[in-house]
Amino acid sequence: MSRDGLPYQIQRTSLSCAEKPTSLIKDLKALFKASVLIANVLPVFSGFWLALYFTNSSLANHWGDFLLTMMGSTLVMAGALVLNNWYDVDIDSVMDRTKHRPTVTGNISLKMVLTMGIAFTIMGFALLLFTTIEAVIYAFVGWFTYVFLYTMWSKRKYTFNTIIGSVSGAVSPLIGWTAIESGFHIVPMMLFLILFIWQMPHTYAIAMRKYHEYKAAGVAMLPVVRGFTVTKRQIFVYAACLLPLPFFLVPIGMKFVVISSLLNVGWLAVSIKGFFTKNDQQWARLVFLYSVNYIMIIFLLTVIVTLPIF
């Protein structure tokens, strides 16, 4: 008997049942890379919202398109991320930050993971087919680039894997926009460029923080192959490349141009600090945190400044 007056075995069984759903949710969040998935869905929404804004349409008149676009793109992205986990199980088992993923622990079988990745991908594209072919094309470019060109080809061999991976993430606002309007417009193109350029210093900062893990896993990240000095220069260059982009987005509004420009100047200042820092890991963490908040603010801002009340 336990001190609560219940047999110990009954208490253990109750705990086990309570822990299983929690464990499953945790495994699924790791499998879908929940934070990465959410970060990629936000630009899809922003692209969709801005397309409505520039075509003088309303969400109420395109509610069906909205649901199809958001659900379809989310499933396609989830499928790509799951397939990445399936393929990278060998290197994930070496890295501390990924060794608890269900593909490594065996909580979800690799066969099941592969099946899920393919199924989510197919369902996602099926839903997007009810929007526009252009949205499907951009979604396919992102999926194919991430799964084949990044995960299966370049990630382990070449330092330019980050450039390839950045393309896959940068198409997300184009998916949302082209579900409503043609993508040949300055706004979605500039949003693509912002996301593409942003991902470079963001990923380099992660690679610096996880230098020893990437090195042990044999992943050809820039800090591992070329060192921190070269990586710092690259972070500075890409931060500088962001500076002129807000001025191409004047149609969104001057509030957006001013705030995003201030954010760009702030990031440039953070990148310059890297040349004088004595603690590379602490600085890389600062770059990472700044980058995460930067991109969230940028894409939320595109929606906020185009609300009717503004």
Protein backbone atom coordinates (compact mmCIF):
# COMPACT_ATOMS: atom_id res chain seq x y z
CA MET A 1 0.00 0.00 0.00
CA SER A 2 1.12 3.60 -0.65
CA ARG A 3 0.83 6.48 1.76
CA ASP A 4 -2.31 7.59 -0.12
CA GLY A 5 -4.05 4.35 0.75
CA LEU A 6 -4.00 3.04 -2.84
CA PRO A 7 -2.02 0.05 -4.04
CA TYR A 8 1.29 1.17 -5.56
CA GLN A 9 0.61 -0.75 -8.78
CA ILE A 10 -2.68 1.12 -9.36
CA GLN A 11 -0.89 4.44 -8.92
CA ARG A 12 1.81 3.41 -11.39
CA THR A 13 -0.82 2.37 -13.96
CA SER A 14 -2.64 5.69 -13.59
CA LEU A 15 0.60 7.61 -14.03
CA SER A 16 1.52 5.55 -17.08
CA CYS A 17 -1.84 6.24 -18.75
CA ALA A 18 -1.54 9.95 -18.00
CA GLU A 19 1.99 10.13 -19.32
CA LYS A 20 1.31 8.36 -22.64
CA PRO A 21 -0.82 11.12 -24.23
CA THR A 22 1.68 13.72 -23.06
CA SER A 23 4.54 11.69 -24.51
CA LEU A 24 2.72 11.21 -27.83
CA ILE A 25 2.01 14.94 -28.15
CA LYS A 26 5.64 15.70 -27.38
CA ASP A 27 6.80 13.19 -29.99
CA LEU A 28 4.46 14.61 -32.64
CA LYS A 29 5.60 18.17 -31.91
CA ALA A 30 9.20 17.04 -32.38
CA LEU A 31 8.34 15.09 -35.53
CA PHE A 32 6.55 18.04 -37.14
CA LYS A 33 9.14 20.52 -35.80
CA ALA A 34 6.21 22.54 -34.43
CA SER A 35 8.06 25.84 -34.01
CA VAL A 36 9.49 25.66 -37.55
CA LEU A 37 6.09 24.75 -38.98
CA ILE A 38 4.35 27.68 -37.27
CA ALA A 39 7.10 30.05 -38.40
CA ASN A 40 6.51 28.99 -42.01
CA VAL A 41 2.72 29.18 -41.83
CA LEU A 42 2.71 32.84 -40.71
CA PRO A 43 4.19 34.15 -44.02
CA VAL A 44 1.60 32.11 -45.93
CA PHE A 45 -1.13 33.93 -44.02
CA SER A 46 0.60 37.29 -44.56
CA GLY A 47 0.88 36.65 -48.30
CA PHE A 48 -2.79 35.68 -48.51
CA TRP A 49 -3.88 38.71 -46.47
CA LEU A 50 -1.84 41.14 -48.57
CA ALA A 51 -3.20 39.68 -51.81
CA LEU A 52 -6.71 40.39 -50.51
CA TYR A 53 -5.63 43.91 -49.54
CA PHE A 54 -4.13 44.78 -52.93
CA THR A 55 -7.03 43.31 -54.88
CA ASN A 56 -9.60 45.11 -52.70
CA SER A 57 -11.10 41.78 -51.69
CA SER A 58 -12.31 40.62 -48.29
CA LEU A 59 -11.59 37.51 -46.27
CA ALA A 60 -15.33 36.87 -46.02
CA ASN A 61 -15.54 36.47 -49.81
CA HIS A 62 -12.55 34.10 -49.91
CA TRP A 63 -13.11 32.09 -46.74
CA GLY A 64 -13.01 28.78 -48.63
CA ASP A 65 -9.80 29.72 -50.43
CA PHE A 66 -8.29 30.77 -47.10
CA LEU A 67 -9.00 27.43 -45.42
CA LEU A 68 -7.76 25.44 -48.41
CA THR A 69 -4.57 27.52 -48.64
CA MET A 70 -3.73 27.38 -44.95
CA MET A 71 -4.57 23.70 -44.51
CA GLY A 72 -2.94 22.66 -47.78
CA SER A 73 0.29 24.59 -47.25
CA THR A 74 0.53 23.45 -43.62
CA LEU A 75 0.19 19.80 -44.65
CA VAL A 76 2.76 20.15 -47.44
CA MET A 77 5.24 21.77 -45.04
CA ALA A 78 4.51 19.18 -42.37
CA GLY A 79 5.11 16.43 -44.92
CA ALA A 80 8.48 17.93 -45.87
CA LEU A 81 9.56 18.30 -42.23
CA VAL A 82 8.51 14.74 -41.40
CA LEU A 83 10.44 13.38 -44.40
CA ASN A 84 13.45 15.39 -43.24
CA ASN A 85 13.23 13.66 -39.86
CA TRP A 86 12.91 10.28 -41.54
CA TYR A 87 15.98 10.80 -43.71
CA ASP A 88 18.16 12.45 -41.05
CA VAL A 89 17.65 9.86 -38.31
CA ASP A 90 21.35 8.87 -38.40
CA ILE A 91 22.70 12.38 -37.78
CA ASP A 92 19.85 13.25 -35.42
CA SER A 93 21.03 10.44 -33.15
CA VAL A 94 24.42 12.16 -32.81
CA MET A 95 23.23 15.70 -32.06
CA ASP A 96 22.06 16.59 -28.55
CA ARG A 97 19.25 18.85 -29.73
CA THR A 98 17.72 16.13 -31.95
CA LYS A 99 18.50 12.85 -30.20
CA HIS A 100 15.12 12.84 -28.44
CA ARG A 101 13.10 12.93 -31.65
CA PRO A 102 10.75 9.93 -31.99
CA THR A 103 12.63 8.72 -35.06
CA VAL A 104 15.74 8.36 -32.91
CA THR A 105 14.09 7.00 -29.76
CA GLY A 106 11.97 4.57 -31.77
CA ASN A 107 8.71 5.84 -30.28
CA ILE A 108 7.41 6.13 -33.85
CA SER A 109 8.72 3.64 -36.40
CA LEU A 110 10.61 4.89 -39.44
CA LYS A 111 8.11 3.13 -41.69
CA MET A 112 5.27 5.03 -40.04
CA VAL A 113 7.20 8.31 -40.28
CA LEU A 114 7.82 7.77 -44.00
CA THR A 115 4.15 6.94 -44.54
CA MET A 116 3.07 10.05 -42.63
CA GLY A 117 5.45 12.27 -44.60
CA ILE A 118 4.14 11.04 -47.94
CA ALA A 119 0.49 11.10 -46.83
CA PHE A 120 0.64 14.67 -45.49
CA THR A 121 2.38 15.81 -48.67
CA ILE A 122 -0.24 14.26 -50.95
CA MET A 123 -3.15 15.60 -48.88
CA GLY A 124 -1.60 19.07 -48.84
CA PHE A 125 -1.16 19.25 -52.59
CA ALA A 126 -4.66 17.84 -53.12
CA LEU A 127 -6.13 20.71 -51.08
CA LEU A 128 -3.98 23.34 -52.80
CA LEU A 129 -5.18 22.09 -56.20
CA PHE A 130 -8.55 23.61 -55.33
CA THR A 131 -6.92 27.06 -55.16
CA THR A 132 -4.61 27.92 -58.08
CA ILE A 133 -1.95 26.09 -60.08
CA GLU A 134 0.52 28.87 -59.27
CA ALA A 135 0.11 28.25 -55.53
CA VAL A 136 0.69 24.53 -56.12
CA ILE A 137 3.83 25.27 -58.14
CA TYR A 138 5.35 27.43 -55.40
CA ALA A 139 4.44 24.84 -52.77
CA PHE A 140 6.09 22.14 -54.88
CA VAL A 141 9.22 24.25 -55.33
CA GLY A 142 9.47 24.64 -51.57
CA TRP A 143 8.77 20.96 -50.86
CA PHE A 144 11.12 19.60 -53.54
CA THR A 145 13.92 22.00 -52.60
CA TYR A 146 13.71 21.11 -48.91
CA VAL A 147 13.29 17.35 -49.23
CA PHE A 148 15.57 16.53 -52.15
CA LEU A 149 17.95 19.41 -52.85
CA TYR A 150 18.56 20.31 -49.19
CA THR A 151 17.92 17.22 -47.03
CA MET A 152 19.03 14.45 -49.38
CA TRP A 153 21.67 16.18 -51.50
CA SER A 154 23.43 19.24 -50.12
CA LYS A 155 23.03 19.28 -46.32
CA ARG A 156 25.84 16.85 -45.56
CA LYS A 157 28.19 17.81 -48.38
CA TYR A 158 28.22 21.52 -49.15
CA THR A 159 28.22 24.78 -47.18
CA PHE A 160 25.79 26.28 -49.70
CA ASN A 161 23.16 23.93 -48.24
CA THR A 162 21.91 26.97 -46.29
CA ILE A 163 21.22 28.86 -49.51
CA ILE A 164 19.23 25.94 -50.89
CA GLY A 165 17.33 25.51 -47.65
CA SER A 166 16.51 29.21 -47.63
CA VAL A 167 14.71 28.94 -50.97
CA SER A 168 12.30 26.36 -49.57
CA GLY A 169 11.30 28.59 -46.67
CA ALA A 170 11.13 31.78 -48.70
CA VAL A 171 8.33 30.62 -51.05
CA SER A 172 5.73 30.58 -48.25
CA PRO A 173 4.36 34.14 -48.78
CA LEU A 174 4.16 33.40 -52.51
CA ILE A 175 1.94 30.39 -51.80
CA GLY A 176 -0.48 32.55 -49.83
CA TRP A 177 -0.43 35.43 -52.33
CA THR A 178 -0.88 33.30 -55.47
CA ALA A 179 -3.92 31.56 -54.04
CA ILE A 180 -5.63 34.91 -54.79
CA GLU A 181 -3.52 36.82 -57.33
CA SER A 182 -0.60 36.30 -59.71
CA GLY A 183 2.79 36.27 -57.99
CA PHE A 184 4.27 38.73 -60.49
CA HIS A 185 3.95 41.65 -58.08
CA ILE A 186 6.60 43.60 -56.20
CA VAL A 187 5.13 42.84 -52.75
CA PRO A 188 5.31 39.01 -52.72
CA MET A 189 8.66 39.11 -54.52
CA MET A 190 10.15 41.39 -51.85
CA LEU A 191 8.67 39.23 -49.07
CA PHE A 192 10.34 36.25 -50.72
CA LEU A 193 13.67 38.11 -50.73
CA ILE A 194 13.32 39.16 -47.10
CA LEU A 195 12.67 35.58 -46.02
CA PHE A 196 15.44 34.22 -48.21
CA ILE A 197 18.08 36.65 -46.94
CA TRP A 198 16.86 36.45 -43.32
CA GLN A 199 17.32 32.70 -43.18
CA MET A 200 21.05 32.91 -43.90
CA PRO A 201 22.25 34.75 -40.75
CA HIS A 202 19.51 33.02 -38.73
CA THR A 203 20.80 29.57 -39.73
CA TYR A 204 24.45 30.57 -39.37
CA ALA A 205 23.75 31.69 -35.79
CA ILE A 206 22.21 28.29 -35.02
CA ALA A 207 25.19 26.54 -36.61
CA MET A 208 27.59 28.56 -34.48
CA ARG A 209 25.68 27.73 -31.31
CA LYS A 210 25.57 24.02 -32.22
CA TYR A 211 29.06 23.93 -33.75
CA HIS A 212 30.27 20.82 -31.93
CA GLU A 213 27.07 18.91 -32.66
CA TYR A 214 27.16 19.67 -36.39
CA LYS A 215 30.85 18.79 -36.48
CA ALA A 216 30.23 15.45 -34.74
CA ALA A 217 27.37 14.68 -37.13
CA GLY A 218 29.45 15.58 -40.20
CA VAL A 219 27.05 18.26 -41.45
CA ALA A 220 28.77 20.77 -43.74
CA MET A 221 27.61 23.97 -42.05
CA LEU A 222 29.61 27.12 -42.75
CA PRO A 223 31.05 27.57 -39.20
CA VAL A 224 32.21 23.95 -39.20
CA VAL A 225 33.90 24.09 -42.60
CA ARG A 226 35.10 27.72 -42.82
CA GLY A 227 35.21 28.84 -39.19
CA PHE A 228 33.56 31.57 -37.11
CA THR A 229 35.39 34.53 -38.68
CA VAL A 230 34.06 33.80 -42.16
CA THR A 231 30.61 33.11 -40.72
CA LYS A 232 30.56 36.49 -38.95
CA ARG A 233 31.40 38.23 -42.21
CA GLN A 234 28.58 36.40 -43.96
CA ILE A 235 26.10 37.34 -41.23
CA PHE A 236 27.11 40.99 -41.62
CA VAL A 237 26.78 40.86 -45.43
CA TYR A 238 23.30 39.33 -45.33
CA ALA A 239 22.14 41.75 -42.62
CA ALA A 240 23.33 44.60 -44.84
CA CYS A 241 21.46 43.14 -47.83
CA LEU A 242 18.19 43.52 -45.92
CA LEU A 243 18.60 47.30 -45.59
CA PRO A 244 17.16 48.42 -48.97
CA LEU A 245 14.28 45.92 -49.17
CA PRO A 246 11.66 47.80 -47.10
CA PHE A 247 11.83 50.71 -49.54
CA PHE A 248 10.43 48.45 -52.26
CA LEU A 249 7.43 47.85 -50.02
CA VAL A 250 6.17 51.42 -49.82
CA PRO A 251 2.77 50.21 -51.15
CA ILE A 252 2.22 48.46 -47.80
CA GLY A 253 2.61 51.79 -46.03
CA MET A 254 5.26 54.09 -44.56
CA LYS A 255 4.70 52.70 -41.06
CA PHE A 256 5.93 49.35 -42.32
CA VAL A 257 8.90 50.91 -44.13
CA VAL A 258 10.03 52.88 -41.07
CA ILE A 259 9.64 50.09 -38.50
CA SER A 260 11.21 47.40 -40.70
CA SER A 261 14.10 49.74 -41.57
CA LEU A 262 14.75 50.34 -37.87
CA LEU A 263 14.75 46.58 -37.32
CA ASN A 264 17.25 46.19 -40.16
CA VAL A 265 19.56 48.82 -38.69
CA GLY A 266 19.34 47.06 -35.34
CA TRP A 267 20.31 43.74 -36.90
CA LEU A 268 23.21 45.35 -38.72
CA ALA A 269 24.42 46.77 -35.38
CA VAL A 270 24.14 43.32 -33.78
CA SER A 271 26.13 41.78 -36.65
CA ILE A 272 28.90 44.41 -36.33
CA LYS A 273 29.14 43.61 -32.64
CA GLY A 274 30.24 40.13 -33.63
CA PHE A 275 33.57 41.44 -34.92
CA PHE A 276 34.46 42.72 -31.46
CA THR A 277 32.90 40.14 -29.16
CA LYS A 278 34.98 37.93 -26.88
CA ASN A 279 32.19 35.41 -26.45
CA ASP A 280 31.12 33.97 -29.80
CA GLN A 281 28.48 31.68 -28.31
CA GLN A 282 26.79 34.49 -26.43
CA TRP A 283 26.81 36.68 -29.52
CA ALA A 284 25.43 33.87 -31.70
CA ARG A 285 22.58 33.46 -29.23
CA LEU A 286 21.87 37.19 -29.51
CA VAL A 287 21.77 36.96 -33.31
CA PHE A 288 19.43 33.96 -33.10
CA LEU A 289 17.03 35.68 -30.70
CA TYR A 290 17.06 38.89 -32.73
CA SER A 291 16.38 36.97 -35.94
CA VAL A 292 13.42 35.05 -34.50
CA ASN A 293 11.76 38.21 -33.21
CA TYR A 294 12.66 40.13 -36.38
CA ILE A 295 10.86 37.82 -38.79
CA MET A 296 7.82 37.45 -36.54
CA ILE A 297 7.46 41.23 -36.23
CA ILE A 298 7.99 41.81 -39.96
CA PHE A 299 5.22 39.46 -41.07
CA LEU A 300 2.79 40.41 -38.32
CA LEU A 301 3.45 44.03 -39.24
CA THR A 302 2.42 43.46 -42.86
CA VAL A 303 -1.00 42.44 -41.56
CA ILE A 304 -1.35 45.03 -38.79
CA VAL A 305 -0.56 48.09 -40.95
CA THR A 306 -3.06 47.00 -43.61
CA LEU A 307 -5.96 46.53 -41.18
CA PRO A 308 -8.84 48.94 -41.87
CA ILE A 309 -8.27 50.75 -38.55
CA PHE A 310 -4.84 51.84 -39.78
